[in-house]
N, C-alpha and C. Protein backbone atom coordinates (compact mmCIF):
# COMPACT_ATOMS: atom_id res chain seq x y z
N UNK A 1 -20.29 23.75 -15.75
CA UNK A 1 -19.83 21.92 -16.64
C UNK A 1 -19.86 22.40 -18.07
N UNK A 2 -18.59 21.38 -18.60
CA UNK A 2 -17.91 21.72 -19.61
C UNK A 2 -19.02 20.98 -20.51
N UNK A 3 -19.69 20.99 -21.96
CA UNK A 3 -20.75 20.12 -22.41
C UNK A 3 -20.37 20.62 -23.90
N UNK A 4 -19.38 21.95 -24.31
CA UNK A 4 -19.42 22.11 -26.32
C UNK A 4 -17.78 22.39 -25.86
N UNK A 5 -17.41 22.34 -27.44
CA UNK A 5 -15.73 22.77 -27.57
C UNK A 5 -15.66 23.28 -28.82
N UNK A 6 -14.47 23.98 -29.00
CA UNK A 6 -14.29 23.74 -30.82
C UNK A 6 -12.99 23.43 -30.87
N UNK A 7 -12.36 23.05 -31.85
CA UNK A 7 -11.50 22.05 -32.08
C UNK A 7 -10.96 23.40 -33.81
N UNK A 8 -10.16 23.96 -33.59
CA UNK A 8 -9.89 24.70 -34.51
C UNK A 8 -8.27 24.39 -34.91
N UNK A 9 -7.97 24.20 -36.40
CA UNK A 9 -6.60 23.50 -37.06
C UNK A 9 -6.32 24.51 -37.77
N UNK A 10 -4.91 25.26 -37.68
CA UNK A 10 -4.78 26.13 -38.95
C UNK A 10 -3.12 25.74 -39.17
N UNK A 11 -2.87 25.67 -41.19
CA UNK A 11 -1.43 25.23 -41.01
C UNK A 11 -0.74 26.65 -41.87
N UNK A 12 0.45 26.72 -41.00
CA UNK A 12 0.90 28.29 -41.30
C UNK A 12 1.89 28.00 -42.69
N UNK A 13 1.90 29.17 -43.55
CA UNK A 13 2.40 29.30 -44.68
C UNK A 13 3.84 28.98 -44.01
N UNK A 14 4.23 28.56 -45.38
CA UNK A 14 6.05 28.26 -45.35
C UNK A 14 6.76 29.99 -44.86
N UNK A 15 7.73 29.35 -43.60
CA UNK A 15 7.87 31.02 -43.26
C UNK A 15 7.61 31.72 -42.80
N UNK A 16 5.96 30.71 -42.00
CA UNK A 16 5.45 32.08 -41.45
C UNK A 16 4.72 31.14 -40.10
N UNK A 17 5.70 30.10 -40.04
CA UNK A 17 5.17 29.46 -38.36
C UNK A 17 5.14 30.10 -37.10
N UNK A 18 6.45 30.90 -36.78
CA UNK A 18 7.08 31.38 -35.87
C UNK A 18 5.49 32.83 -35.88
N UNK A 19 4.94 32.90 -36.69
CA UNK A 19 4.35 34.27 -36.31
C UNK A 19 2.98 33.64 -35.93
N UNK A 20 2.61 32.74 -36.33
CA UNK A 20 1.39 32.19 -36.42
C UNK A 20 1.57 31.93 -34.66
N UNK A 21 2.80 31.08 -34.21
CA UNK A 21 3.19 30.69 -32.73
C UNK A 21 2.43 32.37 -31.99
N UNK A 22 3.30 33.26 -32.79
CA UNK A 22 3.17 34.17 -32.08
C UNK A 22 1.56 34.75 -31.69
N UNK A 23 0.52 34.99 -32.55
CA UNK A 23 -0.42 34.67 -33.12
C UNK A 23 -1.06 34.60 -31.86
N UNK A 24 -0.62 32.79 -31.86
CA UNK A 24 -1.64 32.48 -30.66
C UNK A 24 -1.48 32.90 -28.95
N UNK A 25 0.17 32.18 -28.85
CA UNK A 25 0.25 32.83 -27.86
C UNK A 25 0.18 34.69 -26.85
N UNK A 26 -0.27 35.33 -27.73
CA UNK A 26 -0.90 36.87 -27.90
C UNK A 26 -2.26 36.62 -27.47
N UNK A 27 -3.16 35.70 -27.92
CA UNK A 27 -4.09 35.61 -27.42
C UNK A 27 -4.51 35.36 -26.42
N UNK A 28 -4.20 34.83 -25.45
CA UNK A 28 -4.39 34.46 -24.05
C UNK A 28 -4.89 35.17 -23.34
N UNK A 29 -4.30 36.62 -23.14
CA UNK A 29 -5.06 37.65 -22.49
C UNK A 29 -6.35 37.91 -23.41
N UNK A 30 -6.43 37.44 -24.53
CA UNK A 30 -8.49 37.89 -24.92
C UNK A 30 -9.08 36.83 -24.45
N UNK A 31 -8.66 35.26 -24.62
CA UNK A 31 -8.90 34.50 -24.14
C UNK A 31 -9.61 34.32 -22.57
N UNK A 32 -8.53 34.89 -21.77
CA UNK A 32 -9.14 35.54 -20.01
C UNK A 32 -10.24 35.92 -19.25
N UNK A 33 -10.51 36.81 -21.07
CA UNK A 33 -11.09 37.72 -20.47
C UNK A 33 -12.53 37.52 -21.10
N UNK A 34 -13.34 35.92 -21.90
CA UNK A 34 -14.39 35.67 -22.17
C UNK A 34 -14.73 35.15 -20.95
N UNK A 35 -16.45 35.09 -20.53
CA UNK A 35 -16.56 34.69 -19.77
C UNK A 35 -17.35 33.31 -20.03
N UNK A 36 -17.73 33.14 -21.25
CA UNK A 36 -18.06 31.84 -21.11
C UNK A 36 -17.51 30.93 -21.94
N UNK A 37 -15.83 31.39 -21.68
CA UNK A 37 -14.45 30.08 -22.23
C UNK A 37 -14.21 29.77 -20.98
N UNK A 38 -14.69 28.49 -21.22
CA UNK A 38 -14.17 27.57 -20.02
C UNK A 38 -12.85 26.88 -19.99
N UNK A 39 -12.35 26.66 -21.13
CA UNK A 39 -10.89 26.58 -21.20
C UNK A 39 -10.32 26.62 -22.38
N UNK A 40 -9.65 26.76 -22.69
CA UNK A 40 -8.49 27.50 -23.61
C UNK A 40 -6.98 27.25 -24.37
N UNK A 41 -6.69 26.29 -25.38
CA UNK A 41 -5.25 26.16 -25.04
C UNK A 41 -4.94 26.20 -27.02
N UNK A 42 -4.32 26.98 -26.85
CA UNK A 42 -3.16 26.92 -28.50
C UNK A 42 -2.32 25.61 -27.83
N UNK A 43 -2.28 25.21 -28.98
CA UNK A 43 -1.42 24.41 -29.47
C UNK A 43 -0.24 24.42 -30.83
N UNK A 44 0.69 23.57 -30.86
CA UNK A 44 1.76 22.83 -31.84
C UNK A 44 1.58 21.86 -32.37
N UNK A 45 1.34 21.26 -33.53
CA UNK A 45 1.09 19.86 -33.36
C UNK A 45 2.88 19.07 -34.26
N UNK A 46 2.61 19.94 -35.14
CA UNK A 46 3.58 19.87 -36.34
C UNK A 46 4.46 21.03 -36.13
N UNK A 47 5.90 21.41 -36.95
CA UNK A 47 6.50 22.41 -37.00
C UNK A 47 5.47 23.30 -37.77
N UNK A 48 4.29 22.83 -38.38
CA UNK A 48 3.59 24.07 -39.45
C UNK A 48 2.54 23.84 -39.22
N UNK A 49 1.78 22.96 -38.46
CA UNK A 49 0.75 22.84 -37.79
C UNK A 49 0.31 23.10 -36.61
N UNK A 50 -0.92 23.89 -36.30
CA UNK A 50 -1.12 24.58 -34.96
C UNK A 50 -2.53 24.33 -34.60
N UNK A 51 -3.11 24.40 -33.59
CA UNK A 51 -4.57 24.27 -32.74
C UNK A 51 -4.88 25.10 -31.95
N UNK A 52 -6.22 24.96 -31.81
CA UNK A 52 -7.31 25.47 -30.82
C UNK A 52 -8.12 24.96 -30.11
N UNK A 53 -7.82 24.89 -28.75
CA UNK A 53 -9.25 23.99 -28.23
C UNK A 53 -9.81 24.84 -27.01
N UNK A 54 -11.04 24.96 -27.60
CA UNK A 54 -11.49 25.58 -25.97
C UNK A 54 -12.89 25.08 -25.84
N UNK A 55 -13.30 25.36 -24.94
CA UNK A 55 -14.82 24.05 -24.18
C UNK A 55 -15.26 25.25 -23.35
N UNK A 56 -16.72 25.17 -23.42
CA UNK A 56 -18.12 25.96 -23.22
C UNK A 56 -18.50 25.45 -22.72
N UNK A 57 -19.56 25.80 -21.46
CA UNK A 57 -20.63 25.39 -20.87
C UNK A 57 -22.15 25.00 -21.46
N UNK A 58 -22.10 26.81 -22.52
CA UNK A 58 -22.98 26.79 -23.46
C UNK A 58 -22.98 27.07 -25.03
N UNK A 59 -23.90 27.07 -25.97
CA UNK A 59 -24.08 27.43 -27.22
C UNK A 59 -23.61 28.58 -26.98
N UNK A 60 -24.46 29.59 -26.01
CA UNK A 60 -24.25 30.75 -25.89
C UNK A 60 -22.69 31.38 -25.90
N UNK A 61 -22.06 31.11 -25.16
CA UNK A 61 -20.39 30.98 -24.87
C UNK A 61 -19.60 30.70 -25.50
N UNK A 62 -19.94 29.77 -26.72
CA UNK A 62 -19.45 28.67 -28.10
C UNK A 62 -20.17 30.02 -29.06
N UNK A 63 -20.74 30.46 -29.33
CA UNK A 63 -21.26 31.43 -29.94
C UNK A 63 -21.10 33.06 -30.24
N UNK A 64 -20.68 33.40 -28.45
CA UNK A 64 -19.53 34.79 -28.32
C UNK A 64 -18.09 34.86 -28.89
N UNK A 65 -17.46 33.45 -28.62
CA UNK A 65 -16.63 33.18 -28.09
C UNK A 65 -16.33 32.78 -30.56
N UNK A 66 -16.64 32.13 -31.09
CA UNK A 66 -16.92 32.38 -32.44
C UNK A 66 -16.81 34.14 -32.80
N UNK A 67 -18.10 34.90 -32.20
CA UNK A 67 -17.58 36.22 -32.69
C UNK A 67 -16.53 37.25 -32.14
N UNK A 68 -15.89 36.21 -31.21
CA UNK A 68 -15.22 37.37 -30.53
C UNK A 68 -14.19 38.21 -31.10
N UNK A 69 -13.15 38.76 -30.26
CA UNK A 69 -11.83 39.49 -30.73
C UNK A 69 -10.82 38.42 -31.36
N UNK A 70 -10.67 37.20 -30.78
CA UNK A 70 -9.51 36.24 -31.45
C UNK A 70 -10.12 36.13 -32.76
N UNK A 71 -11.18 35.29 -33.41
CA UNK A 71 -11.78 34.92 -33.92
C UNK A 71 -11.35 36.30 -34.94
N UNK A 72 -11.87 37.14 -35.02
CA UNK A 72 -11.98 38.41 -35.36
C UNK A 72 -10.23 38.60 -36.01
N UNK A 73 -10.06 38.78 -35.34
CA UNK A 73 -8.12 38.75 -35.32
C UNK A 73 -8.09 37.69 -36.36
N UNK A 74 -7.62 36.35 -36.23
CA UNK A 74 -7.25 35.09 -36.70
C UNK A 74 -7.88 35.63 -38.11
N UNK A 75 -8.86 35.38 -38.74
CA UNK A 75 -9.53 35.90 -40.04
C UNK A 75 -8.97 37.08 -40.60
N UNK A 76 -8.94 37.97 -39.99
CA UNK A 76 -8.05 39.35 -40.61
C UNK A 76 -6.91 39.14 -41.06
N UNK A 77 -5.96 37.93 -40.30
CA UNK A 77 -4.83 37.44 -40.18
C UNK A 77 -4.48 36.43 -41.43
N UNK A 78 -5.35 36.01 -41.61
CA UNK A 78 -5.89 34.45 -42.54
C UNK A 78 -4.94 34.17 -43.59
N UNK A 79 -5.48 35.35 -44.23
CA UNK A 79 -4.61 34.86 -45.99
C UNK A 79 -3.14 34.99 -45.23
N UNK A 80 -2.25 35.86 -45.36
CA UNK A 80 -1.16 36.17 -44.98
C UNK A 80 -0.54 35.29 -44.01
N UNK A 81 -0.87 34.46 -42.95
CA UNK A 81 -0.37 33.84 -42.15
C UNK A 81 -0.48 32.42 -42.55
N UNK A 82 -1.62 31.73 -43.16
CA UNK A 82 -2.28 30.44 -43.01
C UNK A 82 -1.98 30.10 -44.79
N UNK A 83 -1.72 28.75 -44.78
CA UNK A 83 -1.89 28.15 -46.30
C UNK A 83 -3.43 28.06 -46.94
N UNK A 84 -3.96 28.07 -45.70
CA UNK A 84 -5.31 27.86 -46.07
C UNK A 84 -6.96 28.32 -44.98
N UNK A 85 -7.94 28.60 -44.97
CA UNK A 85 -8.40 28.94 -44.24
C UNK A 85 -9.04 27.54 -43.11
N UNK A 86 -8.46 28.21 -41.78
CA UNK A 86 -8.21 27.28 -40.50
C UNK A 86 -9.71 26.04 -40.55
N UNK A 87 -9.62 25.33 -39.76
CA UNK A 87 -10.73 24.12 -40.26
C UNK A 87 -10.95 24.10 -38.62
N UNK A 88 -12.55 24.88 -38.87
CA UNK A 88 -12.85 24.69 -37.17
C UNK A 88 -14.35 23.92 -37.28
N UNK A 89 -14.27 23.21 -35.88
CA UNK A 89 -14.99 21.83 -35.90
C UNK A 89 -15.86 22.36 -34.47
N UNK A 90 -16.89 21.98 -34.65
CA UNK A 90 -17.67 22.41 -33.17
C UNK A 90 -18.02 20.73 -33.02
N UNK A 91 -17.70 20.75 -31.29
CA UNK A 91 -17.89 18.99 -31.23
C UNK A 91 -18.76 19.27 -29.50
N UNK A 92 -19.38 17.93 -29.48
CA UNK A 92 -20.14 18.17 -28.00
C UNK A 92 -18.65 17.25 -27.23
N UNK A 93 -18.69 17.78 -25.85
CA UNK A 93 -18.28 17.41 -24.82
C UNK A 93 -19.39 16.20 -23.88
N UNK A 94 -17.93 14.79 -24.37
CA UNK A 94 -18.84 13.82 -23.51
C UNK A 94 -18.80 13.56 -22.14
N UNK A 95 -17.24 14.06 -21.96
CA UNK A 95 -16.58 13.60 -20.52
C UNK A 95 -15.70 14.97 -20.61
N UNK A 96 -15.62 14.94 -19.24
CA UNK A 96 -14.40 15.51 -18.80
C UNK A 96 -13.55 15.52 -17.66
N UNK A 97 -12.60 15.59 -17.32
CA UNK A 97 -12.37 15.66 -16.07
C UNK A 97 -11.17 17.46 -15.97
N UNK A 98 -11.40 17.94 -15.06
CA UNK A 98 -11.31 19.14 -14.75
C UNK A 98 -10.51 19.39 -13.43
N UNK A 99 -9.27 20.50 -12.95
CA UNK A 99 -9.01 20.49 -11.56
C UNK A 99 -10.24 21.40 -10.61
N UNK A 100 -9.10 20.47 -9.79
CA UNK A 100 -10.68 20.54 -8.59
C UNK A 100 -11.00 22.11 -8.69
N UNK A 101 -12.08 22.45 -7.73
CA UNK A 101 -12.06 24.67 -7.44
C UNK A 101 -11.21 24.57 -6.20
N UNK A 102 -10.98 25.19 -6.15
CA UNK A 102 -9.63 25.70 -4.79
C UNK A 102 -10.64 26.27 -4.09
């Protein structure tokens, strides 16, 4: 059951929009390997604003994600790609609709 989430907002430096988009797309295989990450979305909100939304069953999964390879890679490239530090918000999930298990 999904109980917790993270919403991260990323603003690309001028001219770095394609690089931020490529970074987010390249992170999908890493997210797929995270057992505690129930949902993971990379989003393009405006031409220069991007987001990540991910959800977790428990705090251990959320903490593992925040300490994992996607966060590490993002922080390592943040000063090169982003106009300012990412805004990362921890969120409580109140209700969710997921696809039925097959």
